[in-house]
Amino acid sequence: MDPGMPEVAGALSPLNYGFNRMFNCSDNITGWFSIPATFATGQGFVQSYSKILTCMAGSGLLPAKMYEKHKTLKTPIYAIVIGSVTSFALCFVDYYYSLDAILFNTCMFMGSISYTSQCVGYIYLKKNFRTMERKFMSPLGKAGAVYSIFVWVLLALAVVGFQNDNQESFIAVVVILVICSVYYHLYAKYRQKFSEEERMSLFFAHVANHNNSKRSPQSRKRLSGKLKSLVKRIASSKVSTTSLGPSHSAAVFAHASSWGKKKRSSGTSKNQSYTEVQPPARRQKK
């Protein structure tokens, strides 16, 4: 479709080209069709960054004031206000200083770090906290997480080395990471804690792991005890048959055979080798 992907990718309203052909009108009219999608996208971004800021404040990484919620609406009002003010400030900075490409590349690089961390966390929880309650089960499992990590790492490398912007995006990323690292080591590191949501989620996972670690040695002990008792019974039956005469050996042999049948029928002797006690050979009279 005209004018082609290079121009559509940099257009302010890329859907206008399709709307103009469908309704045979100008950009002044078709621009209104993008307003509902713009509001929906904005609401999604507000919900995502307000949730992230609230969780960080609950963990002590940000001031506790951002964790407070409205008494009636139960919404994180301070996180929404601070995030929205910061977003509008960046819009004015981009308007006056033309930082569109740098901001976009920086956001993409930071997003790749965030999504890679989520995939690594998913693999860790999948391995060490298997009994944790999950509202959604990924059908791709660990393979999907590993593939996602590869995609995000490739995106980060593309932003760093292949943008032809004199490494301005890379410098911006380094500056932001240095500022965040200094902030963490000077302020957040000594106030970091588990939030209530993290404590409730990880508590049950730790209890389940503790029970599993205790259950496995006990099961091994029970299995070894059963094997020892079986060996002792077989050994005692051999001793009794050698000490008894020919008349008593047949009775012992019948008792051992009946005991083996009972164990096989109950399923406890499945895949276990058992020894049938053979009666001793009778001595021939001279």
Protein backbone atom coordinates (compact mmCIF):
# COMPACT_ATOMS: atom_id res chain seq x y z
CA MET A 1 0.00 0.00 0.00
CA ASP A 2 1.26 3.47 -0.88
CA PRO A 3 3.38 5.20 0.27
CA GLY A 4 5.23 2.10 1.56
CA MET A 5 6.48 0.86 4.90
CA PRO A 6 9.40 3.33 5.37
CA GLU A 7 7.03 6.31 5.41
CA VAL A 8 4.26 4.50 7.31
CA ALA A 9 6.71 3.50 10.05
CA GLY A 10 7.55 7.16 10.74
CA ALA A 11 4.04 8.59 10.33
CA LEU A 12 2.23 10.20 13.26
CA SER A 13 -1.03 8.42 12.42
CA PRO A 14 -0.13 5.34 10.37
CA LEU A 15 -3.74 4.16 10.19
CA ASN A 16 -4.80 7.26 8.27
CA TYR A 17 -3.51 5.81 4.99
CA GLY A 18 -5.95 2.94 5.25
CA PHE A 19 -8.84 5.08 6.50
CA ASN A 20 -8.35 7.56 3.63
CA ARG A 21 -8.73 4.76 1.08
CA MET A 22 -11.70 3.17 2.86
CA PHE A 23 -13.78 6.34 3.37
CA ASN A 24 -12.30 8.60 0.65
CA CYS A 25 -11.59 11.48 3.01
CA SER A 26 -8.65 13.58 4.22
CA ASP A 27 -6.36 13.29 7.24
CA ASN A 28 -8.33 15.93 9.11
CA ILE A 29 -11.29 13.57 9.29
CA THR A 30 -9.61 10.17 9.54
CA GLY A 31 -7.42 11.45 12.39
CA TRP A 32 -10.48 11.28 14.65
CA PHE A 33 -10.69 7.54 14.10
CA SER A 34 -7.38 7.08 15.92
CA ILE A 35 -8.54 8.83 19.09
CA PRO A 36 -10.27 5.75 20.66
CA ALA A 37 -7.20 3.61 20.02
CA THR A 38 -4.98 6.35 21.49
CA PHE A 39 -7.04 6.49 24.69
CA ALA A 40 -7.02 2.69 24.97
CA THR A 41 -3.25 2.57 24.53
CA GLY A 42 -2.74 5.37 27.05
CA GLN A 43 -4.90 3.61 29.62
CA GLY A 44 -2.88 0.44 29.17
CA PHE A 45 0.41 2.29 29.70
CA VAL A 46 -0.93 4.10 32.76
CA GLN A 47 -2.09 0.84 34.31
CA SER A 48 1.23 -0.88 33.64
CA TYR A 49 3.61 1.80 34.95
CA SER A 50 1.39 2.60 37.95
CA LYS A 51 1.37 -1.08 38.90
CA ILE A 52 5.17 -1.28 38.58
CA LEU A 53 5.72 1.86 40.65
CA THR A 54 3.32 0.61 43.33
CA CYS A 55 5.08 -2.75 43.59
CA MET A 56 8.49 -1.07 43.78
CA ALA A 57 7.23 1.23 46.54
CA GLY A 58 5.81 -1.75 48.42
CA SER A 59 9.22 -3.42 48.29
CA GLY A 60 10.99 -0.31 49.60
CA LEU A 61 12.71 0.57 46.32
CA LEU A 62 10.72 3.82 46.06
CA PRO A 63 9.26 6.11 48.74
CA ALA A 64 6.40 4.50 50.66
CA LYS A 65 4.07 7.36 49.73
CA MET A 66 3.71 5.92 46.23
CA TYR A 67 2.31 2.70 47.72
CA GLU A 68 -0.69 4.47 49.27
CA LYS A 69 -4.06 3.94 47.59
CA HIS A 70 -7.28 5.90 47.43
CA LYS A 71 -9.59 5.06 50.33
CA THR A 72 -12.65 4.58 48.14
CA LEU A 73 -11.38 3.72 44.66
CA LYS A 74 -8.40 1.65 45.89
CA THR A 75 -6.22 3.06 43.11
CA PRO A 76 -2.55 4.06 43.54
CA ILE A 77 -3.15 7.78 43.08
CA TYR A 78 0.40 8.93 43.84
CA ALA A 79 1.95 6.40 41.45
CA ILE A 80 -0.46 7.46 38.70
CA VAL A 81 0.16 11.18 39.24
CA ILE A 82 3.97 10.92 39.42
CA GLY A 83 4.14 8.60 36.40
CA SER A 84 1.82 10.81 34.34
CA VAL A 85 3.71 14.01 35.21
CA THR A 86 7.00 12.38 34.24
CA SER A 87 5.53 11.19 30.93
CA PHE A 88 4.21 14.66 30.04
CA ALA A 89 7.56 16.21 30.98
CA LEU A 90 9.34 13.84 28.59
CA CYS A 91 6.86 14.82 25.86
CA PHE A 92 7.78 18.51 26.23
CA VAL A 93 11.49 17.68 26.30
CA ASP A 94 11.11 15.68 23.08
CA TYR A 95 9.17 18.52 21.46
CA TYR A 96 11.83 21.14 22.11
CA TYR A 97 15.01 19.06 21.77
CA SER A 98 14.02 16.37 19.21
CA LEU A 99 14.97 13.37 21.33
CA ASP A 100 12.43 11.06 19.74
CA ALA A 101 14.91 8.47 18.43
CA ILE A 102 17.01 8.45 21.61
CA LEU A 103 13.97 8.08 23.87
CA PHE A 104 12.55 5.32 21.70
CA ASN A 105 15.81 3.35 21.61
CA THR A 106 16.33 3.83 25.34
CA CYS A 107 12.83 2.56 26.09
CA MET A 108 13.37 -0.45 23.85
CA PHE A 109 16.67 -1.30 25.55
CA MET A 110 15.19 -0.93 29.04
CA GLY A 111 12.21 -2.98 27.97
CA SER A 112 14.48 -5.76 26.77
CA ILE A 113 16.19 -5.79 30.19
CA SER A 114 12.82 -5.92 31.94
CA TYR A 115 11.41 -8.72 29.80
CA THR A 116 14.64 -10.73 30.04
CA SER A 117 14.46 -10.46 33.83
CA GLN A 118 10.88 -11.69 33.76
CA CYS A 119 11.86 -14.72 31.69
CA VAL A 120 14.77 -15.51 34.03
CA GLY A 121 12.44 -15.18 37.01
CA TYR A 122 9.92 -17.49 35.35
CA ILE A 123 12.58 -20.16 34.81
CA TYR A 124 13.76 -19.82 38.43
CA LEU A 125 10.24 -20.11 39.86
CA LYS A 126 9.42 -22.97 37.51
CA LYS A 127 12.45 -24.88 38.77
CA ASN A 128 12.42 -24.11 42.50
CA PHE A 129 8.76 -23.29 43.26
CA ARG A 130 6.77 -25.79 41.24
CA THR A 131 3.90 -25.93 43.74
CA MET A 132 3.27 -22.18 43.69
CA GLU A 133 -0.27 -21.26 42.64
CA ARG A 134 -0.35 -19.70 39.19
CA LYS A 135 -3.23 -17.96 37.48
CA PHE A 136 -1.81 -18.70 34.04
CA MET A 137 0.19 -21.69 32.85
CA SER A 138 2.39 -21.02 29.83
CA PRO A 139 1.90 -23.77 27.21
CA LEU A 140 5.48 -23.23 25.96
CA GLY A 141 7.14 -23.68 29.36
CA LYS A 142 10.88 -23.16 29.77
CA ALA A 143 11.53 -23.45 26.03
CA GLY A 144 9.37 -20.40 25.36
CA ALA A 145 11.16 -18.43 28.08
CA VAL A 146 14.59 -19.31 26.66
CA TYR A 147 13.48 -18.29 23.17
CA SER A 148 12.13 -14.99 24.52
CA ILE A 149 15.44 -14.30 26.25
CA PHE A 150 17.23 -14.81 22.93
CA VAL A 151 14.88 -12.34 21.19
CA TRP A 152 15.27 -9.62 23.85
CA VAL A 153 19.06 -9.96 23.98
CA LEU A 154 19.16 -9.66 20.18
CA LEU A 155 17.02 -6.51 20.41
CA ALA A 156 19.36 -4.98 23.00
CA LEU A 157 22.37 -5.66 20.79
CA ALA A 158 20.58 -4.06 17.82
CA VAL A 159 19.85 -0.92 19.85
CA VAL A 160 23.40 -0.64 21.13
CA GLY A 161 25.38 -1.21 17.95
CA PHE A 162 23.26 -0.79 14.83
CA GLN A 163 21.35 2.52 15.04
CA ASN A 164 23.80 4.85 13.22
CA ASP A 165 23.30 7.57 15.85
CA ASN A 166 26.92 8.00 17.00
CA GLN A 167 26.14 5.78 20.00
CA GLU A 168 23.87 8.44 21.51
CA SER A 169 21.29 5.84 22.51
CA PHE A 170 23.95 3.68 24.12
CA ILE A 171 25.32 6.66 26.08
CA ALA A 172 21.82 7.52 27.29
CA VAL A 173 21.30 3.92 28.44
CA VAL A 174 24.63 3.91 30.31
CA VAL A 175 23.84 7.22 32.04
CA ILE A 176 20.42 5.99 33.17
CA LEU A 177 21.84 2.69 34.44
CA VAL A 178 24.58 4.50 36.38
CA ILE A 179 22.07 6.86 37.99
CA CYS A 180 19.78 3.98 38.95
CA SER A 181 22.70 1.95 40.34
CA VAL A 182 23.89 4.86 42.50
CA TYR A 183 20.34 5.42 43.74
CA TYR A 184 19.97 1.77 44.65
CA HIS A 185 23.25 1.46 46.55
CA LEU A 186 22.83 4.75 48.42
CA TYR A 187 19.10 4.69 49.19
CA ALA A 188 17.03 1.67 48.17
CA LYS A 189 19.45 -1.07 49.20
CA TYR A 190 19.00 -0.34 52.91
CA ARG A 191 15.21 -0.05 52.70
CA GLN A 192 14.44 -2.97 50.43
CA LYS A 193 12.05 -5.58 51.84
CA PHE A 194 9.41 -8.10 50.85
CA SER A 195 6.04 -6.53 50.13
CA GLU A 196 2.83 -8.08 51.44
CA GLU A 197 2.04 -9.59 48.05
CA GLU A 198 5.54 -11.09 47.73
CA ARG A 199 5.45 -12.41 51.28
CA MET A 200 2.09 -14.14 50.78
CA SER A 201 3.10 -15.64 47.44
CA LEU A 202 6.53 -16.88 48.46
CA PHE A 203 5.46 -18.10 51.91
CA PHE A 204 3.40 -20.98 50.54
CA ALA A 205 6.15 -21.80 48.04
CA HIS A 206 8.76 -22.01 50.81
CA VAL A 207 6.48 -24.22 52.92
CA ALA A 208 5.87 -26.56 49.98
CA ASN A 209 9.60 -26.80 49.22
CA HIS A 210 10.35 -27.48 52.89
CA ASN A 211 7.78 -30.27 53.01
CA ASN A 212 9.14 -31.81 49.83
CA SER A 213 12.70 -31.74 51.16
CA LYS A 214 11.57 -33.49 54.35
CA ARG A 215 9.38 -35.99 52.55
CA SER A 216 12.05 -37.36 50.21
CA PRO A 217 14.52 -38.57 52.92
CA GLN A 218 11.66 -40.16 54.86
CA SER A 219 10.49 -42.05 51.82
CA ARG A 220 14.02 -43.30 51.20
CA LYS A 221 14.28 -44.45 54.82
CA ARG A 222 10.99 -46.32 54.60
CA LEU A 223 12.07 -48.05 51.40
CA SER A 224 15.43 -49.07 52.87
CA GLY A 225 13.69 -50.37 56.00
CA LYS A 226 11.39 -52.56 53.93
CA LEU A 227 14.34 -53.99 52.00
CA LYS A 228 16.23 -54.74 55.21
CA SER A 229 13.26 -56.54 56.74
CA LEU A 230 12.83 -58.59 53.58
CA VAL A 231 16.49 -59.64 53.62
CA LYS A 232 16.30 -60.57 57.30
CA ARG A 233 13.23 -62.73 56.77
CA ILE A 234 14.84 -64.55 53.87
CA ALA A 235 18.06 -65.09 55.85
CA SER A 236 16.18 -66.39 58.89
CA SER A 237 14.19 -68.80 56.72
CA LYS A 238 17.45 -70.19 55.26
CA VAL A 239 18.89 -70.75 58.73
CA SER A 240 15.76 -72.52 59.92
CA THR A 241 15.69 -74.89 56.94
CA THR A 242 19.31 -75.96 57.41
CA SER A 243 18.80 -76.67 61.11
CA LEU A 244 15.55 -78.61 60.72
CA GLY A 245 15.13 -82.11 59.45
CA PRO A 246 13.58 -83.28 56.20
CA SER A 247 10.09 -83.40 57.64
CA HIS A 248 10.20 -79.80 58.78
CA SER A 249 11.89 -78.41 55.65
CA ALA A 250 8.85 -79.00 53.48
CA ALA A 251 6.71 -76.99 55.89
CA VAL A 252 9.22 -74.11 55.84
CA PHE A 253 9.32 -74.20 52.05
CA ALA A 254 5.52 -74.00 51.89
CA HIS A 255 5.51 -71.10 54.35
CA ALA A 256 8.11 -69.16 52.31
CA SER A 257 6.24 -69.77 49.06
CA SER A 258 2.94 -68.61 50.53
CA TRP A 259 4.62 -65.47 51.94
CA GLY A 260 6.08 -64.64 48.50
CA LYS A 261 2.68 -65.04 46.86
CA LYS A 262 1.10 -62.69 49.38
CA LYS A 263 3.76 -60.05 48.76
CA ARG A 264 3.32 -60.33 45.00
CA SER A 265 -0.45 -60.11 45.23
CA SER A 266 -0.29 -57.02 47.48
CA GLY A 267 2.08 -55.29 45.04
CA THR A 268 4.86 -54.62 47.55
CA SER A 269 7.26 -57.06 45.92
CA LYS A 270 6.84 -55.72 42.40
CA ASN A 271 10.12 -55.60 40.50
CA GLN A 272 11.89 -57.09 43.50
CA SER A 273 13.84 -60.33 43.33
CA TYR A 274 12.86 -62.98 45.83
CA THR A 275 14.60 -66.21 46.76
CA GLU A 276 12.70 -69.44 47.02
CA VAL A 277 13.96 -71.62 49.82
CA GLN A 278 14.83 -75.04 48.48
CA PRO A 279 14.54 -78.09 50.80
CA PRO A 280 17.84 -79.77 51.55
CA ALA A 281 18.62 -82.97 49.73
CA ARG A 282 17.95 -86.15 51.69
CA ARG A 283 20.89 -88.21 52.72
CA GLN A 284 21.09 -91.63 51.11
CA LYS A 285 21.25 -94.55 53.44
CA LYS A 286 24.39 -96.61 53.18
